[in-house]
Amino acid sequence: MRSDLLDILACPVCKGPLDLRADEIAPEGAADAGEVLTGALTCATCNEVYPIAGGIPNLLPPELRDTEIAAGR
């Protein structure tokens, strides 16, 4: 996930701003250098947390995300 996407992303639950926590960033020289590979987006308003895995943020609302996890997707 490119960090500049924070300018256009909002919490799908309350439309609040999201804060980025980067756990792993692609190294220099990689095709996706500087992009967040793992981490989380946290809503500054409602405190909902959206995981980032494989460079892709999962912005499904919590009830849908839980359904996807239970279905093994």
N, C-alpha and C. Protein backbone atom coordinates (compact mmCIF):
# COMPACT_ATOMS: atom_id res chain seq x y z
N MET A 1 0.84 -1.17 0.00
CA MET A 1 0.00 0.00 0.00
C MET A 1 0.88 1.23 0.00
N ARG A 2 0.59 2.14 -0.88
CA ARG A 2 1.33 3.41 -0.92
C ARG A 2 0.79 4.33 0.18
N SER A 3 1.68 4.95 0.92
CA SER A 3 1.26 5.80 2.04
C SER A 3 0.50 7.04 1.57
N ASP A 4 0.71 7.46 0.31
CA ASP A 4 -0.02 8.64 -0.17
C ASP A 4 -1.51 8.35 -0.38
N LEU A 5 -1.92 7.09 -0.31
CA LEU A 5 -3.34 6.75 -0.40
C LEU A 5 -4.13 7.25 0.80
N LEU A 6 -3.44 7.55 1.90
CA LEU A 6 -4.13 8.07 3.08
C LEU A 6 -4.88 9.35 2.77
N ASP A 7 -4.43 10.09 1.76
CA ASP A 7 -5.10 11.34 1.38
C ASP A 7 -6.50 11.10 0.85
N ILE A 8 -6.77 9.91 0.31
CA ILE A 8 -8.09 9.65 -0.28
C ILE A 8 -8.88 8.56 0.43
N LEU A 9 -8.26 7.83 1.36
CA LEU A 9 -8.97 6.77 2.08
C LEU A 9 -9.66 7.33 3.32
N ALA A 10 -10.80 6.73 3.66
CA ALA A 10 -11.53 7.08 4.88
C ALA A 10 -12.09 5.81 5.49
N CYS A 11 -12.39 5.86 6.75
CA CYS A 11 -12.98 4.72 7.45
C CYS A 11 -14.32 4.38 6.80
N PRO A 12 -14.52 3.12 6.41
CA PRO A 12 -15.80 2.76 5.80
C PRO A 12 -16.97 2.74 6.79
N VAL A 13 -16.68 2.74 8.08
CA VAL A 13 -17.74 2.72 9.08
C VAL A 13 -18.25 4.13 9.37
N CYS A 14 -17.33 5.06 9.67
CA CYS A 14 -17.75 6.40 10.10
C CYS A 14 -17.23 7.53 9.20
N LYS A 15 -16.44 7.18 8.20
CA LYS A 15 -15.85 8.14 7.26
C LYS A 15 -14.77 9.02 7.89
N GLY A 16 -14.26 8.61 9.05
CA GLY A 16 -13.21 9.36 9.74
C GLY A 16 -11.85 9.15 9.07
N PRO A 17 -10.86 9.97 9.45
CA PRO A 17 -9.51 9.83 8.89
C PRO A 17 -8.82 8.59 9.44
N LEU A 18 -7.91 8.04 8.63
CA LEU A 18 -7.18 6.83 9.01
C LEU A 18 -5.72 7.15 9.30
N ASP A 19 -5.19 6.51 10.34
CA ASP A 19 -3.77 6.62 10.68
C ASP A 19 -3.09 5.32 10.27
N LEU A 20 -1.89 5.45 9.72
CA LEU A 20 -1.14 4.29 9.21
C LEU A 20 -0.08 3.84 10.20
N ARG A 21 -0.06 2.52 10.46
CA ARG A 21 1.04 1.90 11.21
C ARG A 21 1.69 0.89 10.26
N ALA A 22 2.94 1.11 9.93
CA ALA A 22 3.66 0.23 9.02
C ALA A 22 4.53 -0.72 9.82
N ASP A 23 4.28 -2.02 9.68
CA ASP A 23 5.11 -3.03 10.34
C ASP A 23 6.24 -3.48 9.42
N GLU A 24 5.97 -3.56 8.12
CA GLU A 24 6.98 -3.98 7.14
C GLU A 24 6.84 -3.10 5.90
N ILE A 25 7.96 -2.57 5.45
CA ILE A 25 8.01 -1.72 4.26
C ILE A 25 8.92 -2.38 3.23
N ALA A 26 8.50 -2.35 1.96
CA ALA A 26 9.30 -2.96 0.90
C ALA A 26 10.66 -2.26 0.82
N PRO A 27 11.74 -3.03 0.69
CA PRO A 27 13.09 -2.45 0.68
C PRO A 27 13.40 -1.68 -0.61
N GLU A 28 14.38 -0.79 -0.50
CA GLU A 28 14.87 -0.06 -1.67
C GLU A 28 15.34 -1.06 -2.72
N GLY A 29 15.10 -0.77 -3.96
CA GLY A 29 15.51 -1.65 -5.04
C GLY A 29 14.42 -2.62 -5.45
N ALA A 30 13.41 -2.81 -4.60
CA ALA A 30 12.28 -3.68 -4.96
C ALA A 30 11.34 -2.90 -5.86
N ALA A 31 10.55 -3.62 -6.64
CA ALA A 31 9.60 -2.97 -7.55
C ALA A 31 8.61 -2.09 -6.79
N ASP A 32 8.27 -2.50 -5.56
CA ASP A 32 7.32 -1.74 -4.74
C ASP A 32 8.01 -1.02 -3.58
N ALA A 33 9.24 -0.58 -3.80
CA ALA A 33 10.06 0.05 -2.76
C ALA A 33 9.30 1.17 -2.04
N GLY A 34 9.37 1.13 -0.72
CA GLY A 34 8.74 2.15 0.10
C GLY A 34 7.28 1.91 0.42
N GLU A 35 6.67 0.93 -0.21
CA GLU A 35 5.26 0.65 0.05
C GLU A 35 5.11 -0.18 1.32
N VAL A 36 4.01 0.02 2.02
CA VAL A 36 3.72 -0.73 3.25
C VAL A 36 3.23 -2.12 2.86
N LEU A 37 3.94 -3.14 3.32
CA LEU A 37 3.57 -4.52 3.03
C LEU A 37 2.65 -5.11 4.10
N THR A 38 2.95 -4.82 5.35
CA THR A 38 2.10 -5.25 6.46
C THR A 38 1.98 -4.12 7.45
N GLY A 39 0.86 -4.10 8.14
CA GLY A 39 0.60 -3.05 9.12
C GLY A 39 -0.89 -2.93 9.36
N ALA A 40 -1.32 -1.71 9.65
CA ALA A 40 -2.74 -1.50 9.92
C ALA A 40 -3.10 -0.04 9.70
N LEU A 41 -4.36 0.16 9.39
CA LEU A 41 -4.95 1.49 9.33
C LEU A 41 -5.92 1.57 10.49
N THR A 42 -5.82 2.63 11.30
CA THR A 42 -6.69 2.80 12.45
C THR A 42 -7.48 4.09 12.28
N CYS A 43 -8.79 4.00 12.50
CA CYS A 43 -9.63 5.19 12.39
C CYS A 43 -9.41 6.07 13.60
N ALA A 44 -9.14 7.34 13.35
CA ALA A 44 -8.91 8.29 14.43
C ALA A 44 -10.21 8.66 15.14
N THR A 45 -11.36 8.36 14.55
CA THR A 45 -12.65 8.72 15.13
C THR A 45 -13.28 7.57 15.90
N CYS A 46 -13.42 6.40 15.26
CA CYS A 46 -14.12 5.28 15.93
C CYS A 46 -13.17 4.18 16.42
N ASN A 47 -11.87 4.32 16.16
CA ASN A 47 -10.83 3.38 16.60
C ASN A 47 -10.92 2.00 15.97
N GLU A 48 -11.66 1.84 14.89
CA GLU A 48 -11.69 0.55 14.18
C GLU A 48 -10.33 0.35 13.51
N VAL A 49 -9.86 -0.89 13.48
CA VAL A 49 -8.55 -1.22 12.91
C VAL A 49 -8.75 -2.07 11.65
N TYR A 50 -8.06 -1.69 10.58
CA TYR A 50 -8.11 -2.39 9.31
C TYR A 50 -6.72 -2.91 8.98
N PRO A 51 -6.56 -4.23 8.87
CA PRO A 51 -5.23 -4.80 8.63
C PRO A 51 -4.74 -4.58 7.21
N ILE A 52 -3.42 -4.52 7.06
CA ILE A 52 -2.76 -4.47 5.75
C ILE A 52 -1.93 -5.73 5.65
N ALA A 53 -2.17 -6.53 4.63
CA ALA A 53 -1.42 -7.77 4.41
C ALA A 53 -1.08 -7.87 2.93
N GLY A 54 0.16 -8.19 2.63
CA GLY A 54 0.57 -8.31 1.24
C GLY A 54 0.45 -7.00 0.49
N GLY A 55 0.52 -5.89 1.21
CA GLY A 55 0.42 -4.57 0.58
C GLY A 55 -1.00 -4.12 0.30
N ILE A 56 -2.00 -4.91 0.72
CA ILE A 56 -3.39 -4.59 0.44
C ILE A 56 -4.15 -4.34 1.74
N PRO A 57 -4.74 -3.14 1.89
CA PRO A 57 -5.54 -2.88 3.09
C PRO A 57 -6.91 -3.56 2.97
N ASN A 58 -7.34 -4.19 4.05
CA ASN A 58 -8.66 -4.82 4.10
C ASN A 58 -9.62 -3.82 4.73
N LEU A 59 -10.34 -3.09 3.88
CA LEU A 59 -11.23 -2.04 4.35
C LEU A 59 -12.69 -2.49 4.45
N LEU A 60 -12.89 -3.80 4.56
CA LEU A 60 -14.24 -4.29 4.80
C LEU A 60 -14.68 -3.86 6.20
N PRO A 61 -15.95 -3.49 6.36
CA PRO A 61 -16.45 -3.21 7.71
C PRO A 61 -16.27 -4.45 8.58
N PRO A 62 -16.15 -4.28 9.89
CA PRO A 62 -15.83 -5.40 10.80
C PRO A 62 -16.74 -6.61 10.64
N GLU A 63 -18.04 -6.41 10.52
CA GLU A 63 -18.94 -7.56 10.43
C GLU A 63 -18.72 -8.35 9.13
N LEU A 64 -18.40 -7.68 8.04
CA LEU A 64 -18.11 -8.38 6.78
C LEU A 64 -16.75 -9.05 6.83
N ARG A 65 -15.76 -8.41 7.45
CA ARG A 65 -14.43 -8.98 7.56
C ARG A 65 -14.49 -10.26 8.39
N ASP A 66 -15.26 -10.26 9.47
CA ASP A 66 -15.41 -11.44 10.32
C ASP A 66 -16.07 -12.59 9.54
N THR A 67 -17.03 -12.25 8.69
CA THR A 67 -17.69 -13.25 7.86
C THR A 67 -16.71 -13.86 6.87
N GLU A 68 -15.86 -13.04 6.26
CA GLU A 68 -14.84 -13.52 5.31
C GLU A 68 -13.85 -14.45 6.02
N ILE A 69 -13.44 -14.09 7.21
CA ILE A 69 -12.49 -14.91 7.97
C ILE A 69 -13.13 -16.26 8.31
N ALA A 70 -14.40 -16.22 8.76
CA ALA A 70 -15.09 -17.45 9.12
C ALA A 70 -15.27 -18.37 7.92
N ALA A 71 -15.42 -17.77 6.73
CA ALA A 71 -15.61 -18.56 5.51
C ALA A 71 -14.28 -19.07 4.96
N GLY A 72 -13.17 -18.63 5.56
CA GLY A 72 -11.85 -19.10 5.14
C GLY A 72 -11.34 -18.43 3.89
N ARG A 73 -11.79 -17.23 3.63
CA ARG A 73 -11.34 -16.50 2.43
C ARG A 73 -10.22 -15.57 2.73
